[in-house]
Amino acid sequence: MERIGVNVKLMSDYGLTPNEVFYLKMLSAGSDDMIGNMVNRDYLHNIGVIDEDDNITDKGIKFVTEIFFEIQQAKIPQSTEEIVKLCSEFRDYFPKGVKTNNHPVRGNLTNIIRKMRKFKREFDYTDEIILAATKKYVTDKAKEGYSFMKIAEYLIYKDNNSTLASLCDAIIEDGGEQDRVKWGRHI
């Protein structure tokens, strides 16, 4: 079954009702069933989307292609095996024995898996980007003596906010590792 969406702003800009928009969609699909009094055919004639015989015009077809869009099906979640492998690699970046606020920064693997599943459903980052962002985060925190380091599972999600997503975006925007220039060192 095809899942479609409607550009409501464009529909409003044209001054059309949802019934009129779906009537045009139906005409473009080759159906000539009438909707009855729910469509203002005079207005549709005036704006040139249907002709005198109530057939859709080229302008009407163009309008339908602009206003309707296909809704992408949610991607298929990774298998349990793939998620566990990713989470194990993710967790291995965090150092053993380091605590923040009296909690080990490596976190609990079960919580990491649960949060990573949610993360993978919501965001479209590859495993390589996720691991690169994590490695960079841990490396940067190591330079600071691990002060204020997040627990692994909180890096993925805490209070419905994801620091990991921001780190992944930074990796993508920087094109990987970025050469850092400290202010005052170079002119």
C-alpha atoms as a PDB file:
ATOM      1  CA  MET A   1       0.000   0.000   0.000  1.00  0.00           C
ATOM      2  CA  GLU A   2       1.326   3.393  -0.991  1.00  0.00           C
ATOM      3  CA  ARG A   3       1.692   5.873   1.849  1.00  0.00           C
ATOM      4  CA  ILE A   4       1.348   9.482   0.734  1.00  0.00           C
ATOM      5  CA  GLY A   5       1.606  12.844   2.414  1.00  0.00           C
ATOM      6  CA  VAL A   6       0.172  16.226   1.440  1.00  0.00           C
ATOM      7  CA  ASN A   7       1.963  19.563   1.401  1.00  0.00           C
ATOM      8  CA  VAL A   8      -0.626  21.454   3.439  1.00  0.00           C
ATOM      9  CA  LYS A   9       1.013  24.852   2.890  1.00  0.00           C
ATOM     10  CA  LEU A  10       0.840  24.487  -0.885  1.00  0.00           C
ATOM     11  CA  MET A  11      -2.775  23.326  -0.608  1.00  0.00           C
ATOM     12  CA  SER A  12      -3.558  26.422   1.448  1.00  0.00           C
ATOM     13  CA  ASP A  13      -1.654  28.709  -0.961  1.00  0.00           C
ATOM     14  CA  TYR A  14      -3.868  27.455  -3.800  1.00  0.00           C
ATOM     15  CA  GLY A  15      -6.968  27.892  -1.629  1.00  0.00           C
ATOM     16  CA  LEU A  16      -8.028  24.283  -2.007  1.00  0.00           C
ATOM     17  CA  THR A  17      -9.820  22.054   0.450  1.00  0.00           C
ATOM     18  CA  PRO A  18      -8.567  18.536   1.242  1.00  0.00           C
ATOM     19  CA  ASN A  19     -11.527  17.122  -0.721  1.00  0.00           C
ATOM     20  CA  GLU A  20     -10.532  19.099  -3.813  1.00  0.00           C
ATOM     21  CA  VAL A  21      -6.911  18.016  -3.520  1.00  0.00           C
ATOM     22  CA  PHE A  22      -7.844  14.347  -3.251  1.00  0.00           C
ATOM     23  CA  TYR A  23     -10.343  14.769  -6.090  1.00  0.00           C
ATOM     24  CA  LEU A  24      -7.448  15.965  -8.275  1.00  0.00           C
ATOM     25  CA  LYS A  25      -5.323  13.043  -7.098  1.00  0.00           C
ATOM     26  CA  MET A  26      -8.138  10.679  -8.008  1.00  0.00           C
ATOM     27  CA  LEU A  27      -8.499  12.278 -11.474  1.00  0.00           C
ATOM     28  CA  SER A  28      -4.746  12.028 -12.071  1.00  0.00           C
ATOM     29  CA  ALA A  29      -4.906   8.327 -11.219  1.00  0.00           C
ATOM     30  CA  GLY A  30      -7.506   7.824 -13.976  1.00  0.00           C
ATOM     31  CA  SER A  31     -10.637   7.561 -11.880  1.00  0.00           C
ATOM     32  CA  ASP A  32     -13.639   9.662 -12.766  1.00  0.00           C
ATOM     33  CA  ASP A  33     -15.803   8.928  -9.742  1.00  0.00           C
ATOM     34  CA  MET A  34     -17.555  12.022  -8.477  1.00  0.00           C
ATOM     35  CA  ILE A  35     -17.345  13.260  -4.934  1.00  0.00           C
ATOM     36  CA  GLY A  36     -20.630  15.101  -5.183  1.00  0.00           C
ATOM     37  CA  ASN A  37     -21.113  18.483  -3.543  1.00  0.00           C
ATOM     38  CA  MET A  38     -17.844  18.288  -1.632  1.00  0.00           C
ATOM     39  CA  VAL A  39     -15.803  19.779  -4.499  1.00  0.00           C
ATOM     40  CA  ASN A  40     -16.109  23.261  -5.934  1.00  0.00           C
ATOM     41  CA  ARG A  41     -15.602  22.324  -9.600  1.00  0.00           C
ATOM     42  CA  ASP A  42     -16.186  25.934 -10.713  1.00  0.00           C
ATOM     43  CA  TYR A  43     -13.153  27.051  -8.701  1.00  0.00           C
ATOM     44  CA  LEU A  44     -11.094  24.142 -10.077  1.00  0.00           C
ATOM     45  CA  HIS A  45     -12.104  25.272 -13.610  1.00  0.00           C
ATOM     46  CA  ASN A  46     -11.173  28.891 -12.826  1.00  0.00           C
ATOM     47  CA  ILE A  47      -7.670  28.055 -11.625  1.00  0.00           C
ATOM     48  CA  GLY A  48      -7.198  25.763 -14.633  1.00  0.00           C
ATOM     49  CA  VAL A  49      -6.599  22.393 -12.975  1.00  0.00           C
ATOM     50  CA  ILE A  50      -9.605  20.743 -14.652  1.00  0.00           C
ATOM     51  CA  ASP A  51     -11.176  21.448 -18.043  1.00  0.00           C
ATOM     52  CA  GLU A  52     -14.839  21.923 -19.010  1.00  0.00           C
ATOM     53  CA  ASP A  53     -15.381  18.156 -19.155  1.00  0.00           C
ATOM     54  CA  ASP A  54     -14.007  17.738 -15.605  1.00  0.00           C
ATOM     55  CA  ASN A  55     -10.797  16.098 -16.852  1.00  0.00           C
ATOM     56  CA  ILE A  56      -7.530  16.985 -15.176  1.00  0.00           C
ATOM     57  CA  THR A  57      -5.301  19.407 -17.126  1.00  0.00           C
ATOM     58  CA  ASP A  58      -1.510  19.484 -17.415  1.00  0.00           C
ATOM     59  CA  LYS A  59      -1.512  22.221 -14.771  1.00  0.00           C
ATOM     60  CA  GLY A  60      -3.591  19.959 -12.523  1.00  0.00           C
ATOM     61  CA  ILE A  61      -1.208  17.035 -13.013  1.00  0.00           C
ATOM     62  CA  LYS A  62       1.739  19.311 -12.198  1.00  0.00           C
ATOM     63  CA  PHE A  63      -0.065  20.479  -9.086  1.00  0.00           C
ATOM     64  CA  VAL A  64      -0.730  16.890  -7.951  1.00  0.00           C
ATOM     65  CA  THR A  65       2.944  15.960  -8.372  1.00  0.00           C
ATOM     66  CA  GLU A  66       3.962  19.014  -6.327  1.00  0.00           C
ATOM     67  CA  ILE A  67       1.486  18.637  -3.479  1.00  0.00           C
ATOM     68  CA  PHE A  68       1.671  14.874  -2.899  1.00  0.00           C
ATOM     69  CA  PHE A  69       4.787  13.089  -1.734  1.00  0.00           C
ATOM     70  CA  GLU A  70       5.570   9.529  -0.804  1.00  0.00           C
ATOM     71  CA  ILE A  71       6.119   8.853   2.871  1.00  0.00           C
ATOM     72  CA  GLN A  72       9.247   6.804   3.322  1.00  0.00           C
ATOM     73  CA  GLN A  73       8.784   3.596   5.253  1.00  0.00           C
ATOM     74  CA  ALA A  74      10.792   3.484   8.460  1.00  0.00           C
ATOM     75  CA  LYS A  75      14.025   1.653   7.881  1.00  0.00           C
ATOM     76  CA  ILE A  76      14.307  -1.922   8.983  1.00  0.00           C
ATOM     77  CA  PRO A  77      15.999  -2.088  12.378  1.00  0.00           C
ATOM     78  CA  GLN A  78      19.302  -3.858  12.671  1.00  0.00           C
ATOM     79  CA  SER A  79      19.305  -7.404  13.898  1.00  0.00           C
ATOM     80  CA  THR A  80      19.970  -8.075  17.557  1.00  0.00           C
ATOM     81  CA  GLU A  81      23.375  -9.501  16.652  1.00  0.00           C
ATOM     82  CA  GLU A  82      24.408  -6.313  14.800  1.00  0.00           C
ATOM     83  CA  ILE A  83      23.185  -4.034  17.608  1.00  0.00           C
ATOM     84  CA  VAL A  84      24.996  -6.064  20.278  1.00  0.00           C
ATOM     85  CA  LYS A  85      28.214  -5.954  18.217  1.00  0.00           C
ATOM     86  CA  LEU A  86      27.907  -2.179  17.721  1.00  0.00           C
ATOM     87  CA  CYS A  87      27.146  -1.613  21.410  1.00  0.00           C
ATOM     88  CA  SER A  88      30.062  -3.771  22.529  1.00  0.00           C
ATOM     89  CA  GLU A  89      32.448  -1.810  20.290  1.00  0.00           C
ATOM     90  CA  PHE A  90      30.875   1.457  21.465  1.00  0.00           C
ATOM     91  CA  ARG A  91      31.296   0.479  25.130  1.00  0.00           C
ATOM     92  CA  ASP A  92      34.912  -0.664  24.600  1.00  0.00           C
ATOM     93  CA  TYR A  93      35.916   2.927  23.768  1.00  0.00           C
ATOM     94  CA  PHE A  94      35.066   3.971  27.315  1.00  0.00           C
ATOM     95  CA  PRO A  95      37.937   3.391  29.769  1.00  0.00           C
ATOM     96  CA  LYS A  96      37.702   0.817  32.539  1.00  0.00           C
ATOM     97  CA  GLY A  97      37.949   2.073  36.101  1.00  0.00           C
ATOM     98  CA  VAL A  98      37.031   5.677  35.300  1.00  0.00           C
ATOM     99  CA  LYS A  99      34.058   7.035  37.195  1.00  0.00           C
ATOM    100  CA  THR A 100      32.048  10.166  36.874  1.00  0.00           C
ATOM    101  CA  ASN A 101      29.857  11.186  39.786  1.00  0.00           C
ATOM    102  CA  ASN A 102      30.659   7.786  41.377  1.00  0.00           C
ATOM    103  CA  HIS A 103      29.321   5.849  38.350  1.00  0.00           C
ATOM    104  CA  PRO A 104      31.515   3.887  35.907  1.00  0.00           C
ATOM    105  CA  VAL A 105      31.624   5.687  32.548  1.00  0.00           C
ATOM    106  CA  ARG A 106      31.448   2.383  30.643  1.00  0.00           C
ATOM    107  CA  GLY A 107      27.824   1.978  31.709  1.00  0.00           C
ATOM    108  CA  ASN A 108      25.666  -1.093  31.520  1.00  0.00           C
ATOM    109  CA  LEU A 109      25.608  -3.046  28.222  1.00  0.00           C
ATOM    110  CA  THR A 110      21.874  -3.792  28.507  1.00  0.00           C
ATOM    111  CA  ASN A 111      21.022  -0.092  28.889  1.00  0.00           C
ATOM    112  CA  ILE A 112      23.388   0.798  26.043  1.00  0.00           C
ATOM    113  CA  ILE A 113      21.685  -1.733  23.750  1.00  0.00           C
ATOM    114  CA  ARG A 114      18.222  -0.437  24.654  1.00  0.00           C
ATOM    115  CA  LYS A 115      19.197   3.181  24.014  1.00  0.00           C
ATOM    116  CA  MET A 116      21.153   2.355  20.848  1.00  0.00           C
ATOM    117  CA  ARG A 117      18.072   0.640  19.373  1.00  0.00           C
ATOM    118  CA  LYS A 118      16.084   3.814  19.929  1.00  0.00           C
ATOM    119  CA  PHE A 119      18.945   5.902  18.536  1.00  0.00           C
ATOM    120  CA  LYS A 120      19.187   3.786  15.369  1.00  0.00           C
ATOM    121  CA  ARG A 121      15.413   4.040  14.822  1.00  0.00           C
ATOM    122  CA  GLU A 122      15.456   7.811  15.184  1.00  0.00           C
ATOM    123  CA  PHE A 123      18.699   8.717  13.401  1.00  0.00           C
ATOM    124  CA  ASP A 124      20.255   7.514  10.171  1.00  0.00           C
ATOM    125  CA  TYR A 125      23.954   7.422  11.078  1.00  0.00           C
ATOM    126  CA  THR A 126      26.151   4.541  10.004  1.00  0.00           C
ATOM    127  CA  ASP A 127      27.888   2.388  12.586  1.00  0.00           C
ATOM    128  CA  GLU A 128      31.226   3.814  11.417  1.00  0.00           C
ATOM    129  CA  ILE A 129      30.091   7.399  12.076  1.00  0.00           C
ATOM    130  CA  ILE A 130      28.747   6.431  15.509  1.00  0.00           C
ATOM    131  CA  LEU A 131      32.009   4.740  16.467  1.00  0.00           C
ATOM    132  CA  ALA A 132      34.147   7.581  15.058  1.00  0.00           C
ATOM    133  CA  ALA A 133      32.125  10.160  17.026  1.00  0.00           C
ATOM    134  CA  THR A 134      32.436   8.051  20.192  1.00  0.00           C
ATOM    135  CA  LYS A 135      36.186   7.598  19.749  1.00  0.00           C
ATOM    136  CA  LYS A 136      36.646  11.346  19.256  1.00  0.00           C
ATOM    137  CA  TYR A 137      34.535  12.111  22.327  1.00  0.00           C
ATOM    138  CA  VAL A 138      36.512   9.719  24.543  1.00  0.00           C
ATOM    139  CA  THR A 139      39.849  10.948  23.141  1.00  0.00           C
ATOM    140  CA  ASP A 140      38.888  14.577  23.824  1.00  0.00           C
ATOM    141  CA  LYS A 141      37.786  13.697  27.358  1.00  0.00           C
ATOM    142  CA  ALA A 142      41.043  11.792  27.968  1.00  0.00           C
ATOM    143  CA  LYS A 143      42.948  15.014  27.206  1.00  0.00           C
ATOM    144  CA  GLU A 144      40.868  16.692  29.929  1.00  0.00           C
ATOM    145  CA  GLY A 145      41.524  13.907  32.444  1.00  0.00           C
ATOM    146  CA  TYR A 146      38.027  12.478  31.882  1.00  0.00           C
ATOM    147  CA  SER A 147      36.491  15.357  33.807  1.00  0.00           C
ATOM    148  CA  PHE A 148      32.742  15.772  33.311  1.00  0.00           C
ATOM    149  CA  MET A 149      32.642  12.704  31.059  1.00  0.00           C
ATOM    150  CA  LYS A 150      29.188  11.276  30.342  1.00  0.00           C
ATOM    151  CA  ILE A 151      28.308   7.685  31.150  1.00  0.00           C
ATOM    152  CA  ALA A 152      28.169   5.680  27.894  1.00  0.00           C
ATOM    153  CA  GLU A 153      24.395   5.201  27.914  1.00  0.00           C
ATOM    154  CA  TYR A 154      23.834   8.899  28.697  1.00  0.00           C
ATOM    155  CA  LEU A 155      25.960   9.869  25.703  1.00  0.00           C
ATOM    156  CA  ILE A 156      23.402   8.074  23.522  1.00  0.00           C
ATOM    157  CA  TYR A 157      20.323   9.470  25.289  1.00  0.00           C
ATOM    158  CA  LYS A 158      19.574  11.348  28.450  1.00  0.00           C
ATOM    159  CA  ASP A 159      16.204  13.019  29.009  1.00  0.00           C
ATOM    160  CA  ASN A 160      15.293  12.390  25.328  1.00  0.00           C
ATOM    161  CA  ASN A 161      18.313  14.392  24.165  1.00  0.00           C
ATOM    162  CA  SER A 162      21.182  12.772  22.311  1.00  0.00           C
ATOM    163  CA  THR A 163      24.695  14.127  22.619  1.00  0.00           C
ATOM    164  CA  LEU A 164      25.831  11.296  20.339  1.00  0.00           C
ATOM    165  CA  ALA A 165      23.664  12.676  17.508  1.00  0.00           C
ATOM    166  CA  SER A 166      25.373  16.065  17.837  1.00  0.00           C
ATOM    167  CA  LEU A 167      28.782  14.395  17.833  1.00  0.00           C
ATOM    168  CA  CYS A 168      27.851  12.392  14.722  1.00  0.00           C
ATOM    169  CA  ASP A 169      26.715  15.582  12.964  1.00  0.00           C
ATOM    170  CA  ALA A 170      30.029  17.215  13.867  1.00  0.00           C
ATOM    171  CA  ILE A 171      31.947  14.264  12.398  1.00  0.00           C
ATOM    172  CA  ILE A 172      29.935  14.491   9.182  1.00  0.00           C
ATOM    173  CA  GLU A 173      30.274  18.279   8.934  1.00  0.00           C
ATOM    174  CA  ASP A 174      34.013  18.201   9.639  1.00  0.00           C
ATOM    175  CA  GLY A 175      34.555  15.385   7.178  1.00  0.00           C
ATOM    176  CA  GLY A 176      36.036  13.146   9.853  1.00  0.00           C
ATOM    177  CA  GLU A 177      38.894  14.199  12.049  1.00  0.00           C
ATOM    178  CA  GLN A 178      39.440  17.923  11.985  1.00  0.00           C
ATOM    179  CA  ASP A 179      42.777  19.659  12.357  1.00  0.00           C
ATOM    180  CA  ARG A 180      42.240  21.919  15.309  1.00  0.00           C
ATOM    181  CA  VAL A 181      43.890  25.330  15.333  1.00  0.00           C
ATOM    182  CA  LYS A 182      44.020  26.946  18.736  1.00  0.00           C
ATOM    183  CA  TRP A 183      43.475  30.665  18.817  1.00  0.00           C
ATOM    184  CA  GLY A 184      46.666  32.680  19.089  1.00  0.00           C
ATOM    185  CA  ARG A 185      48.917  29.907  17.814  1.00  0.00           C
ATOM    186  CA  HIS A 186      48.586  30.717  14.108  1.00  0.00           C
ATOM    187  CA  ILE A 187      48.120  33.977  12.309  1.00  0.00           C
END
